[in-house]
Protein backbone atom coordinates (compact mmCIF):
# COMPACT_ATOMS: atom_id res chain seq x y z
CA UNK A 1 -15.01 -4.73 -76.38
CA UNK A 2 -17.38 -1.82 -77.20
CA UNK A 3 -20.02 0.00 -75.17
CA UNK A 4 -22.81 -2.50 -75.25
CA UNK A 5 -21.29 -5.16 -73.03
CA UNK A 6 -23.77 -7.54 -71.49
CA UNK A 7 -24.58 -7.06 -67.80
CA UNK A 8 -22.91 -9.74 -65.70
CA UNK A 9 -24.00 -10.76 -62.22
CA UNK A 10 -22.52 -13.27 -59.70
CA UNK A 11 -25.12 -14.83 -57.56
CA UNK A 12 -23.82 -16.65 -54.46
CA UNK A 13 -24.42 -16.70 -50.74
CA UNK A 14 -20.72 -16.92 -49.72
CA UNK A 15 -18.24 -14.05 -49.23
CA UNK A 16 -16.33 -15.43 -52.15
CA UNK A 17 -18.83 -13.81 -54.50
CA UNK A 18 -17.21 -10.46 -54.04
CA UNK A 19 -13.71 -11.94 -54.49
CA UNK A 20 -14.85 -13.57 -57.73
CA UNK A 21 -16.43 -10.44 -59.12
CA UNK A 22 -13.21 -8.45 -58.39
CA UNK A 23 -11.06 -11.14 -59.96
CA UNK A 24 -13.24 -11.15 -63.14
CA UNK A 25 -13.06 -7.29 -63.35
CA UNK A 26 -9.27 -7.50 -63.01
CA UNK A 27 -9.14 -9.71 -66.04
CA UNK A 28 -11.85 -7.80 -67.88
CA UNK A 29 -11.37 -4.18 -66.92
CA UNK A 30 -14.06 -2.97 -69.42
CA UNK A 31 -16.94 -4.60 -67.61
CA UNK A 32 -18.52 -4.27 -64.10
CA UNK A 33 -19.75 -7.39 -62.37
CA UNK A 34 -22.64 -7.01 -59.92
CA UNK A 35 -23.22 -9.41 -57.04
CA UNK A 36 -26.51 -10.66 -55.64
CA UNK A 37 -27.42 -12.73 -52.53
CA UNK A 38 -29.93 -15.46 -53.14
CA UNK A 39 -31.89 -14.62 -49.96
CA UNK A 40 -32.48 -11.08 -51.19
CA UNK A 41 -32.97 -11.97 -54.80
CA UNK A 42 -36.13 -10.78 -56.58
CA UNK A 43 -37.08 -12.18 -60.05
CA UNK A 44 -36.89 -8.60 -61.51
CA UNK A 45 -33.27 -8.40 -60.43
CA UNK A 46 -32.28 -10.60 -63.32
CA UNK A 47 -34.51 -9.00 -66.02
CA UNK A 48 -31.63 -7.28 -67.84
CA UNK A 49 -28.84 -9.72 -66.98
CA UNK A 50 -27.34 -11.41 -69.97
CA UNK A 51 -24.50 -13.40 -68.18
CA UNK A 52 -25.26 -15.17 -64.92
CA UNK A 53 -22.47 -16.73 -62.80
CA UNK A 54 -23.88 -18.90 -60.08
CA UNK A 55 -23.54 -22.00 -57.83
CA UNK A 56 -27.27 -22.75 -58.02
CA UNK A 57 -29.62 -23.35 -60.95
CA UNK A 58 -31.92 -20.31 -61.53
CA UNK A 59 -35.06 -22.13 -60.21
CA UNK A 60 -33.20 -22.86 -56.95
CA UNK A 61 -32.74 -19.11 -56.62
CA UNK A 62 -36.51 -18.70 -56.78
CA UNK A 63 -36.25 -17.57 -60.48
CA UNK A 64 -37.74 -20.32 -62.71
CA UNK A 65 -37.43 -18.32 -65.92
CA UNK A 66 -34.44 -16.05 -66.38
CA UNK A 67 -33.18 -13.74 -69.15
CA UNK A 68 -29.49 -14.58 -69.30
CA UNK A 69 -28.18 -15.64 -72.66
CA UNK A 70 -25.29 -17.39 -70.91
CA UNK A 71 -25.11 -19.13 -67.47
CA UNK A 72 -21.72 -20.04 -66.09
CA UNK A 73 -22.05 -22.72 -63.29
CA UNK A 74 -19.40 -22.45 -60.68
CA UNK A 75 -19.42 -26.17 -60.24
CA UNK A 76 -18.43 -29.14 -62.43
CA UNK A 77 -21.76 -30.94 -61.85
CA UNK A 78 -24.82 -29.43 -63.54
CA UNK A 79 -27.33 -32.30 -62.86
CA UNK A 80 -29.59 -29.76 -61.14
CA UNK A 81 -29.98 -27.70 -64.30
CA UNK A 82 -32.89 -28.02 -66.64
CA UNK A 83 -30.75 -28.83 -69.60
CA UNK A 84 -33.58 -29.38 -72.01
CA UNK A 85 -35.27 -26.13 -71.02
CA UNK A 86 -32.13 -24.11 -71.40
CA UNK A 87 -31.53 -25.59 -74.87
CA UNK A 88 -35.11 -24.83 -75.94
CA UNK A 89 -34.65 -21.24 -74.72
CA UNK A 90 -31.32 -20.79 -76.50
CA UNK A 91 -29.44 -20.36 -73.18
CA UNK A 92 -25.75 -21.29 -73.22
CA UNK A 93 -24.54 -23.28 -70.16
CA UNK A 94 -20.95 -23.70 -69.24
CA UNK A 95 -19.48 -25.35 -66.14
CA UNK A 96 -16.35 -25.21 -64.00
CA UNK A 97 -15.01 -28.62 -64.99
CA UNK A 98 -11.25 -28.72 -64.27
CA UNK A 99 -11.22 -25.87 -61.80
CA UNK A 100 -11.31 -28.20 -58.85
CA UNK A 101 -9.34 -31.05 -60.38
CA UNK A 102 -6.15 -30.52 -58.33
CA UNK A 103 -7.76 -30.33 -54.81
CA UNK A 104 -10.20 -33.16 -55.44
CA UNK A 105 -7.45 -35.38 -56.85
CA UNK A 106 -5.24 -34.63 -53.87
CA UNK A 107 -8.13 -35.46 -51.54
CA UNK A 108 -8.63 -38.77 -53.36
CA UNK A 109 -4.93 -39.53 -52.85
CA UNK A 110 -5.37 -38.63 -49.16
CA UNK A 111 -8.28 -41.07 -48.82
CA UNK A 112 -6.22 -43.90 -50.39
CA UNK A 113 -3.29 -43.23 -48.17
CA UNK A 114 -5.55 -43.10 -45.12
CA UNK A 115 -6.74 -46.56 -45.79
CA UNK A 116 -3.39 -47.99 -46.86
CA UNK A 117 -1.51 -46.54 -43.81
CA UNK A 118 -4.69 -46.90 -41.63
CA UNK A 119 -4.50 -43.30 -40.50
CA UNK A 120 -8.16 -43.20 -39.51
CA UNK A 121 -7.37 -45.84 -36.97
CA UNK A 122 -4.39 -43.84 -35.65
CA UNK A 123 -6.67 -40.78 -35.25
CA UNK A 124 -9.18 -42.85 -33.22
CA UNK A 125 -6.39 -44.23 -31.08
CA UNK A 126 -5.02 -40.75 -30.47
CA UNK A 127 -8.46 -39.54 -29.36
CA UNK A 128 -8.77 -42.46 -27.00
CA UNK A 129 -5.15 -42.17 -25.75
CA UNK A 130 -4.38 -45.69 -26.93
CA UNK A 131 -0.94 -47.07 -27.91
CA UNK A 132 -1.75 -50.19 -30.08
CA UNK A 133 0.77 -51.02 -32.87
CA UNK A 134 -0.65 -51.86 -36.30
CA UNK A 135 0.83 -52.41 -39.63
CA UNK A 136 0.28 -50.51 -42.98
CA UNK A 137 0.42 -51.25 -46.73
CA UNK A 138 1.95 -49.49 -49.75
CA UNK A 139 -0.28 -47.87 -52.33
CA UNK A 140 2.15 -48.81 -55.12
CA UNK A 141 0.99 -52.45 -54.67
CA UNK A 142 -2.62 -51.63 -55.29
CA UNK A 143 -4.90 -51.37 -58.35
CA UNK A 144 -7.11 -48.35 -58.50
CA UNK A 145 -10.24 -48.21 -60.77
CA UNK A 146 -11.31 -44.69 -61.76
CA UNK A 147 -14.85 -44.47 -63.08
CA UNK A 148 -15.16 -41.18 -65.11
CA UNK A 149 -11.73 -40.07 -66.36
CA UNK A 150 -12.29 -36.43 -67.07
CA UNK A 151 -10.28 -33.51 -65.62
CA UNK A 152 -10.50 -34.92 -62.03
CA UNK A 153 -10.04 -38.57 -62.95
CA UNK A 154 -7.15 -37.77 -65.11
CA UNK A 155 -5.36 -35.86 -62.39
CA UNK A 156 -6.03 -38.77 -59.97
CA UNK A 157 -4.37 -41.05 -62.49
CA UNK A 158 -1.33 -38.73 -62.71
CA UNK A 159 -0.86 -38.67 -58.98
CA UNK A 160 -1.19 -42.43 -58.73
CA UNK A 161 1.29 -42.83 -61.60
CA UNK A 162 3.81 -40.91 -59.55
CA UNK A 163 3.16 -43.27 -56.60
CA UNK A 164 3.47 -46.30 -58.72
CA UNK A 165 -0.07 -47.69 -58.38
CA UNK A 166 -1.78 -49.45 -61.33
CA UNK A 167 -4.77 -47.57 -62.64
CA UNK A 168 -7.77 -48.74 -64.65
CA UNK A 169 -9.83 -46.03 -66.22
CA UNK A 170 -13.51 -46.15 -67.40
CA UNK A 171 -15.02 -43.62 -69.76
CA UNK A 172 -17.40 -43.27 -72.60
CA UNK A 173 -14.40 -42.76 -74.89
CA UNK A 174 -11.75 -45.26 -73.87
CA UNK A 175 -9.85 -44.81 -77.11
CA UNK A 176 -8.92 -41.28 -76.01
CA UNK A 177 -8.12 -42.21 -72.43
CA UNK A 178 -5.83 -40.02 -70.32
CA UNK A 179 -2.25 -41.29 -70.98
CA UNK A 180 -1.56 -41.72 -67.20
CA UNK A 181 -4.13 -44.53 -67.04
CA UNK A 182 -2.58 -47.95 -67.44
CA UNK A 183 -5.70 -49.76 -68.85
CA UNK A 184 -8.77 -48.22 -70.53
CA UNK A 185 -12.30 -49.56 -70.31
CA UNK A 186 -15.60 -48.55 -71.93
CA UNK A 187 -18.77 -48.00 -69.93
CA UNK A 188 -19.93 -51.54 -70.54
CA UNK A 189 -16.91 -52.95 -68.69
CA UNK A 190 -17.81 -51.55 -65.18
CA UNK A 191 -18.05 -55.12 -63.76
CA UNK A 192 -14.55 -56.01 -64.87
CA UNK A 193 -13.09 -52.85 -63.37
CA UNK A 194 -14.97 -53.57 -60.08
CA UNK A 195 -13.68 -57.12 -59.91
CA UNK A 196 -10.10 -56.06 -60.53
CA UNK A 197 -9.79 -52.96 -58.35
CA UNK A 198 -8.50 -52.69 -54.76
CA UNK A 199 -9.96 -49.12 -54.74
CA UNK A 200 -12.89 -47.85 -56.86
CA UNK A 201 -12.89 -44.09 -57.30
CA UNK A 202 -16.06 -42.43 -58.59
CA UNK A 203 -15.27 -39.12 -60.34
CA UNK A 204 -18.05 -39.15 -62.93
CA UNK A 205 -20.95 -36.70 -63.22
CA UNK A 206 -24.54 -37.54 -62.11
CA UNK A 207 -26.77 -38.16 -65.25
CA UNK A 208 -29.73 -40.31 -66.02
CA UNK A 209 -27.21 -43.02 -67.02
CA UNK A 210 -25.10 -42.82 -63.90
CA UNK A 211 -27.70 -42.37 -61.20
CA UNK A 212 -27.47 -45.41 -58.89
CA UNK A 213 -24.44 -46.59 -60.78
CA UNK A 214 -23.10 -48.49 -57.74
CA UNK A 215 -25.78 -50.56 -56.04
CA UNK A 216 -25.97 -53.86 -54.32
CA UNK A 217 -25.08 -55.91 -57.33
CA UNK A 218 -22.04 -53.70 -58.11
CA UNK A 219 -20.84 -53.72 -54.52
CA UNK A 220 -21.10 -57.57 -54.57
CA UNK A 221 -18.74 -57.58 -57.50
CA UNK A 222 -16.06 -55.71 -55.62
CA UNK A 223 -13.23 -57.36 -53.73
CA UNK A 224 -13.91 -57.96 -50.02
CA UNK A 225 -10.85 -55.81 -49.16
CA UNK A 226 -11.77 -53.13 -51.69
CA UNK A 227 -12.58 -49.46 -50.75
CA UNK A 228 -15.18 -47.36 -52.47
CA UNK A 229 -14.36 -43.58 -52.89
CA UNK A 230 -17.00 -41.19 -54.09
CA UNK A 231 -16.12 -37.61 -54.91
CA UNK A 232 -18.62 -37.30 -57.83
CA UNK A 233 -22.20 -37.05 -56.64
CA UNK A 234 -24.11 -38.78 -53.94
CA UNK A 235 -26.71 -40.07 -56.35
CA UNK A 236 -24.05 -42.29 -57.96
CA UNK A 237 -24.28 -44.68 -55.08
CA UNK A 238 -27.15 -46.48 -53.49
CA UNK A 239 -26.40 -45.46 -49.96
CA UNK A 240 -28.52 -48.14 -48.20
CA UNK A 241 -26.81 -50.82 -50.27
CA UNK A 242 -23.49 -49.40 -49.22
CA UNK A 243 -24.28 -49.54 -45.61
CA UNK A 244 -25.42 -53.11 -45.97
CA UNK A 245 -22.21 -54.01 -47.90
CA UNK A 246 -20.11 -52.51 -45.10
CA UNK A 247 -22.00 -54.28 -42.37
CA UNK A 248 -21.74 -57.63 -44.15
CA UNK A 249 -18.08 -57.20 -44.98
CA UNK A 250 -18.63 -57.26 -48.67
CA UNK A 251 -16.10 -54.40 -49.01
CA UNK A 252 -13.47 -53.10 -46.62
CA UNK A 253 -14.52 -49.56 -46.36
CA UNK A 254 -15.56 -46.22 -48.06
CA UNK A 255 -14.42 -42.70 -48.33
CA UNK A 256 -17.25 -40.32 -49.10
CA UNK A 257 -17.34 -36.60 -49.83
CA UNK A 258 -20.79 -36.50 -51.37
CA UNK A 259 -24.11 -38.05 -50.19
CA UNK A 260 -27.72 -38.59 -51.33
CA UNK A 261 -28.83 -35.98 -48.73
CA UNK A 262 -26.63 -33.06 -47.71
CA UNK A 263 -25.83 -32.43 -44.95
CA UNK A 264 -25.70 -36.00 -44.08
CA UNK A 265 -28.49 -36.72 -41.60
CA UNK A 266 -27.31 -37.09 -38.01
CA UNK A 267 -29.13 -40.49 -37.77
CA UNK A 268 -27.24 -41.94 -40.73
CA UNK A 269 -25.36 -45.20 -39.75
CA UNK A 270 -22.34 -43.97 -41.75
CA UNK A 271 -21.43 -41.66 -38.98
CA UNK A 272 -20.72 -44.55 -36.62
CA UNK A 273 -18.70 -46.69 -38.82
CA UNK A 274 -14.96 -46.98 -38.24
CA UNK A 275 -14.43 -48.26 -41.76
CA UNK A 276 -15.81 -45.03 -43.31
CA UNK A 277 -14.03 -41.66 -43.83
CA UNK A 278 -16.58 -38.79 -44.22
CA UNK A 279 -15.80 -35.26 -45.40
CA UNK A 280 -18.40 -32.52 -45.80
CA UNK A 281 -18.38 -32.05 -49.56
CA UNK A 282 -15.22 -30.06 -49.35
CA UNK A 283 -12.97 -32.06 -51.74
CA UNK A 284 -12.92 -29.17 -54.23
CA UNK A 285 -12.04 -26.47 -51.79
CA UNK A 286 -8.86 -24.51 -52.45
CA UNK A 287 -7.64 -20.94 -51.98
CA UNK A 288 -7.16 -20.99 -55.84
CA UNK A 289 -10.81 -21.75 -56.63
CA UNK A 290 -11.93 -18.07 -57.40
CA UNK A 291 -8.89 -17.32 -59.40
CA UNK A 292 -9.21 -20.36 -61.57
CA UNK A 293 -12.90 -19.70 -62.10
CA UNK A 294 -12.14 -16.14 -63.04
CA UNK A 295 -9.52 -17.20 -65.53
CA UNK A 296 -11.96 -19.62 -67.16
CA UNK A 297 -14.80 -17.12 -67.13
CA UNK A 298 -12.74 -14.35 -68.64
CA UNK A 299 -11.53 -16.59 -71.47
CA UNK A 300 -15.12 -17.65 -72.27
CA UNK A 301 -16.42 -14.08 -71.85
CA UNK A 302 -14.17 -12.77 -74.62
CA UNK A 303 -15.45 -15.54 -76.91
CA UNK A 304 -19.05 -14.98 -75.89
CA UNK A 305 -18.85 -11.26 -76.70
CA UNK A 306 -17.20 -12.03 -80.06
CA UNK A 307 -20.00 -14.50 -80.89
CA UNK A 308 -17.72 -17.58 -80.83
CA UNK A 309 -20.10 -19.70 -78.87
CA UNK A 310 -18.91 -22.91 -80.33
CA UNK A 311 -15.45 -22.27 -78.96
CA UNK A 312 -16.57 -21.79 -75.26
CA UNK A 313 -14.63 -24.00 -72.87
CA UNK A 314 -16.72 -26.50 -70.88
CA UNK A 315 -19.90 -25.79 -72.91
CA UNK A 316 -22.65 -28.05 -71.71
CA UNK A 317 -25.52 -26.61 -73.78
């Protein structure tokens, strides 16, 4: 690749930063990847960095203006990044869309089976030492609406296709919907999807258009036996409206991996509800996370060095 390769740095507070750096160097033996911890980061540490790999936007690292020509976000969501500012400064931004598709989709399937087979009730009874028989349902009899059919939503549809459930998919481009989806809807058809679905799964990104996508009026459109699943971003759902809908029995339950505030405050009424399954934003966790990110980064790095910026995978800016 030549001798003037751009300096690359991974900024992350977790031990995985070292594993990711090593995995990148294994795939790109001509470069050396530095690692920096956010707590010890000084603005000058990034002065000569041209490629930044990070979980957090630069300003969240205490560096409002940075020199990198390319930032690779280790997350699919990039709602925290100053997209306009990056575009003005000519900084390329890519994300990790697709890297977590498999674990997130499997977690969604787990949520649905939990409610169908009422496993959350079984766990509570086990903790209490109770033997109280109850019946379950079959997922193949249900209709699942997927809001945002990208890499994650598409994989959810594939898993549900194997189970035999009917899937409705909503995206900005319904004409090119994932083939595993049974019926395609455009963004203007959210109400129809809500009214038809036994489960509503949110896998879309958080944008100005999707913030507060599901509020009181949308929850009122859902079936009273329906369950809301959110593995996208907490800001997609009006959390107060969701609590009210659960209390009033407007919907049957919710499975949530993301929240308006994280960690979820200890005084949130969601903690106490038996009709809610909470997970600590871990749907994307997998032992394969760093390997997949390294594969994606290496592929893009070769294109970046070659000047093929239009061919970068998952380019946002």
